[in-house]
Amino acid sequence: MSHPRRWLLLAVVLLIASGGLVVAWLFTGAIDARSLEAWVAGLGIWAPVGFVLLYGIATVAMVPGSIFDFAGGALFGPYLGSVLDLMGGSLGAALAFLVGRYLARDWIEIRAGPRLQRIMRSVEQDGWQFVAFLRLVPIFPYTVINYLLGLTRIPFLHYMVASIVFTVPSTVAYTYFGYASREIIAGNTDSIRYALIAFGLLASLIVLPRYYKRLRKG
């Protein structure tokens, strides 16, 4: 494995570990997993609605979405959590894209520098497939990419469909890791396998750039 690949893998491992520590902090002390789960259930529909809105706003503010993916799994479980994480991330991606395209284009262009030109060339060449690649590999700065893609010519619908569909694997993996961390802290050691599966999925996504380059050359 090359040096850049090792650094990328290390970054993902550290991100997962950090998310696990955040979840552990949430469920230590006076607040445990079951009591927090009951509190969320007591909020009714406002809990998932508020979570999605907060996720979307945080994405526009360039807060890493993985934090919310972990929290979604810990608060809502693996299934509902995955749906809410995907909805929140998609909402934020849409808002940031529209801000970049219509409201803050000049400001973003100045700060993007050479990166913008590379992305624009890739979008011109590959279209939605390039967006799909960016979403599928969880090593690119999701929140920054949202704004930069807003400056390209890709249609909004193509951008959103590719973003939603190809964000699913990493979103589910992060969500399951958040859920597994909560269950492990609560004493359910059987959930360790979920954490390992999620980690394996994230690790496999890291090697996709190599196959993507081979596909383009072919």
Protein backbone atom coordinates (compact mmCIF):
# COMPACT_ATOMS: atom_id res chain seq x y z
CA MET A 1 0.00 0.00 0.00
CA SER A 2 1.38 3.40 -1.00
CA HIS A 3 2.08 6.12 1.53
CA PRO A 4 -0.90 8.30 0.51
CA ARG A 5 -3.19 5.28 0.81
CA ARG A 6 -1.91 4.52 4.29
CA TRP A 7 -2.54 8.11 5.35
CA LEU A 8 -6.07 7.97 3.97
CA LEU A 9 -6.78 4.73 5.80
CA LEU A 10 -5.35 6.20 8.99
CA ALA A 11 -7.58 9.26 8.60
CA VAL A 12 -10.69 7.11 8.29
CA VAL A 13 -9.66 5.02 11.30
CA LEU A 14 -9.14 8.15 13.37
CA LEU A 15 -12.49 9.53 12.24
CA ILE A 16 -14.27 6.34 13.26
CA ALA A 17 -12.46 6.28 16.59
CA SER A 18 -13.36 9.92 17.21
CA GLY A 19 -16.99 9.21 16.46
CA GLY A 20 -16.94 6.30 18.86
CA LEU A 21 -15.50 8.51 21.56
CA VAL A 22 -18.24 11.10 20.97
CA VAL A 23 -20.90 8.43 21.30
CA ALA A 24 -19.20 7.08 24.42
CA TRP A 25 -19.20 10.55 25.94
CA LEU A 26 -22.91 10.93 25.22
CA PHE A 27 -23.79 7.74 27.04
CA THR A 28 -21.58 8.02 30.11
CA GLY A 29 -22.53 9.47 33.43
CA ALA A 30 -26.13 10.32 34.18
CA ILE A 31 -27.32 9.68 30.61
CA ASP A 32 -27.22 6.08 29.42
CA ALA A 33 -28.30 4.54 26.14
CA ARG A 34 -31.80 3.49 27.21
CA SER A 35 -32.75 6.69 28.99
CA LEU A 36 -31.62 8.79 26.03
CA GLU A 37 -33.56 6.51 23.70
CA ALA A 38 -36.68 7.03 25.82
CA TRP A 39 -36.11 10.80 25.80
CA VAL A 40 -35.87 10.84 22.00
CA ALA A 41 -39.05 8.76 21.73
CA GLY A 42 -40.81 11.22 24.04
CA LEU A 43 -40.14 14.06 21.61
CA GLY A 44 -42.30 12.37 19.02
CA ILE A 45 -42.09 13.58 15.44
CA TRP A 46 -40.05 16.62 16.48
CA ALA A 47 -36.99 14.49 17.17
CA PRO A 48 -36.44 13.22 13.59
CA VAL A 49 -37.65 16.48 12.01
CA GLY A 50 -35.35 18.57 14.18
CA PHE A 51 -32.44 16.22 13.57
CA VAL A 52 -32.82 16.41 9.76
CA LEU A 53 -33.09 20.21 9.82
CA LEU A 54 -30.09 20.54 12.13
CA TYR A 55 -28.07 18.18 9.93
CA GLY A 56 -28.94 20.22 6.84
CA ILE A 57 -28.03 23.55 8.44
CA ALA A 58 -24.81 22.12 9.86
CA THR A 59 -23.81 20.87 6.42
CA VAL A 60 -24.22 24.37 5.00
CA ALA A 61 -22.05 25.58 7.89
CA MET A 62 -19.43 22.97 6.81
CA VAL A 63 -19.72 20.83 9.93
CA PRO A 64 -18.50 17.28 9.08
CA GLY A 65 -21.51 15.12 8.31
CA SER A 66 -19.93 12.02 9.83
CA ILE A 67 -20.59 13.50 13.28
CA PHE A 68 -24.31 13.54 12.55
CA ASP A 69 -24.18 10.08 10.96
CA PHE A 70 -22.73 8.69 14.19
CA ALA A 71 -25.29 10.58 16.25
CA GLY A 72 -28.15 9.43 14.01
CA GLY A 73 -27.22 5.80 14.57
CA ALA A 74 -26.84 6.31 18.30
CA LEU A 75 -30.12 8.20 18.72
CA PHE A 76 -32.44 6.52 16.23
CA GLY A 77 -30.95 3.09 15.57
CA PRO A 78 -29.48 1.65 12.38
CA TYR A 79 -32.54 1.76 10.12
CA LEU A 80 -34.35 4.99 10.95
CA GLY A 81 -30.99 6.56 11.68
CA SER A 82 -29.71 5.73 8.20
CA VAL A 83 -32.82 7.23 6.59
CA LEU A 84 -32.61 10.40 8.67
CA ASP A 85 -28.88 10.76 8.08
CA LEU A 86 -29.40 10.42 4.35
CA MET A 87 -32.23 12.97 4.42
CA GLY A 88 -30.23 15.46 6.47
CA GLY A 89 -27.09 15.10 4.39
CA SER A 90 -29.09 15.41 1.16
CA LEU A 91 -30.85 18.53 2.43
CA GLY A 92 -27.53 20.11 3.33
CA ALA A 93 -25.99 19.09 0.00
CA ALA A 94 -28.88 20.71 -1.88
CA LEU A 95 -28.73 23.93 0.12
CA ALA A 96 -24.94 24.27 -0.17
CA PHE A 97 -25.08 23.57 -3.91
CA LEU A 98 -27.71 26.28 -4.44
CA VAL A 99 -25.80 28.75 -2.27
CA GLY A 100 -22.67 28.12 -4.30
CA ARG A 101 -24.47 28.47 -7.61
CA TYR A 102 -26.68 31.49 -6.94
CA LEU A 103 -25.65 33.37 -3.79
CA ALA A 104 -21.93 33.10 -3.11
CA ARG A 105 -20.39 32.17 -6.44
CA ASP A 106 -17.74 34.91 -6.58
CA TRP A 107 -16.68 34.41 -2.96
CA ILE A 108 -16.29 30.65 -3.43
CA GLU A 109 -14.41 31.02 -6.73
CA ILE A 110 -11.81 33.23 -5.08
CA ARG A 111 -11.18 30.76 -2.29
CA ALA A 112 -11.40 27.56 -4.33
CA GLY A 113 -8.29 28.29 -6.39
CA PRO A 114 -6.90 25.56 -8.67
CA ARG A 115 -9.16 22.91 -7.12
CA LEU A 116 -12.18 24.43 -8.85
CA GLN A 117 -10.64 24.14 -12.31
CA ARG A 118 -9.79 20.48 -11.75
CA ILE A 119 -13.31 19.71 -10.57
CA MET A 120 -14.89 21.61 -13.44
CA ARG A 121 -12.81 19.67 -15.97
CA SER A 122 -13.76 16.37 -14.34
CA VAL A 123 -17.46 17.30 -14.33
CA GLU A 124 -17.26 18.34 -17.98
CA GLN A 125 -15.68 15.00 -18.84
CA ASP A 126 -17.63 12.57 -16.65
CA GLY A 127 -20.76 14.44 -15.55
CA TRP A 128 -22.80 12.73 -12.84
CA GLN A 129 -20.33 9.83 -12.74
CA PHE A 130 -17.70 12.11 -11.24
CA VAL A 131 -20.20 13.24 -8.59
CA ALA A 132 -21.00 9.60 -7.87
CA PHE A 133 -17.30 8.87 -7.40
CA LEU A 134 -16.88 11.78 -4.98
CA ARG A 135 -19.86 10.63 -2.93
CA LEU A 136 -18.93 6.97 -2.92
CA VAL A 137 -15.42 7.47 -1.55
CA PRO A 138 -15.60 8.86 2.03
CA ILE A 139 -12.21 10.60 1.91
CA PHE A 140 -13.20 13.75 0.09
CA PRO A 141 -14.42 16.79 2.08
CA TYR A 142 -18.16 16.39 1.57
CA THR A 143 -19.13 19.85 2.78
CA VAL A 144 -16.55 21.63 0.60
CA ILE A 145 -17.42 19.59 -2.49
CA ASN A 146 -21.07 20.66 -2.19
CA TYR A 147 -20.13 24.29 -2.78
CA LEU A 148 -17.58 23.59 -5.51
CA LEU A 149 -20.00 21.45 -7.50
CA GLY A 150 -22.46 24.32 -7.38
CA LEU A 151 -20.04 26.31 -9.54
CA THR A 152 -19.96 23.69 -12.29
CA ARG A 153 -22.45 23.20 -15.12
CA ILE A 154 -23.89 19.95 -13.80
CA PRO A 155 -27.70 20.08 -13.62
CA PHE A 156 -29.12 20.24 -10.11
CA LEU A 157 -31.21 17.08 -10.63
CA HIS A 158 -28.21 15.05 -11.82
CA TYR A 159 -26.20 16.32 -8.86
CA MET A 160 -28.87 15.39 -6.33
CA VAL A 161 -29.65 11.94 -7.71
CA ALA A 162 -25.97 10.99 -7.83
CA SER A 163 -25.41 12.46 -4.37
CA ILE A 164 -28.32 10.64 -2.75
CA VAL A 165 -27.75 7.24 -4.37
CA PHE A 166 -23.99 7.06 -3.96
CA THR A 167 -23.86 8.49 -0.45
CA VAL A 168 -25.87 5.52 0.84
CA PRO A 169 -22.93 3.11 1.50
CA SER A 170 -20.84 5.49 3.62
CA THR A 171 -23.92 6.90 5.38
CA VAL A 172 -25.13 3.44 6.37
CA ALA A 173 -21.65 2.45 7.51
CA TYR A 174 -21.21 5.51 9.74
CA THR A 175 -24.75 5.14 11.09
CA TYR A 176 -24.23 1.49 11.98
CA PHE A 177 -20.98 2.34 13.70
CA GLY A 178 -22.76 4.93 15.82
CA TYR A 179 -25.47 2.43 16.69
CA ALA A 180 -22.96 -0.32 17.46
CA SER A 181 -20.99 2.04 19.72
CA ARG A 182 -24.14 2.83 21.68
CA GLU A 183 -25.02 -0.84 22.10
CA ILE A 184 -21.50 -1.84 23.09
CA ILE A 185 -21.47 0.86 25.77
CA ALA A 186 -24.85 -0.40 26.96
CA GLY A 187 -23.33 -3.88 27.39
CA ASN A 188 -24.50 -5.57 24.18
CA THR A 189 -21.24 -7.04 22.95
CA ASP A 190 -23.00 -8.79 20.05
CA SER A 191 -23.01 -5.43 18.31
CA ILE A 192 -19.25 -5.61 17.85
CA ARG A 193 -19.84 -7.46 14.58
CA TYR A 194 -21.87 -4.52 13.28
CA ALA A 195 -18.99 -2.20 14.04
CA LEU A 196 -16.57 -4.51 12.22
CA ILE A 197 -18.86 -4.74 9.20
CA ALA A 198 -19.18 -0.96 9.07
CA PHE A 199 -15.43 -0.55 9.36
CA GLY A 200 -14.86 -3.09 6.59
CA LEU A 201 -17.27 -1.26 4.29
CA LEU A 202 -15.54 2.07 4.87
CA ALA A 203 -12.11 0.52 4.32
CA SER A 204 -13.25 -1.06 1.05
CA LEU A 205 -14.52 2.29 -0.22
CA ILE A 206 -11.05 3.78 0.19
CA VAL A 207 -9.58 1.59 -2.56
CA LEU A 208 -12.18 2.72 -5.10
CA PRO A 209 -10.04 5.57 -6.54
CA ARG A 210 -7.58 3.02 -7.90
CA TYR A 211 -10.31 1.12 -9.75
CA TYR A 212 -11.88 4.36 -10.94
CA LYS A 213 -8.59 5.40 -12.55
CA ARG A 214 -8.25 2.01 -14.21
CA LEU A 215 -11.81 2.27 -15.52
CA ARG A 216 -11.15 5.69 -17.01
CA LYS A 217 -7.94 4.49 -18.66
CA GLY A 218 -9.82 1.49 -20.07
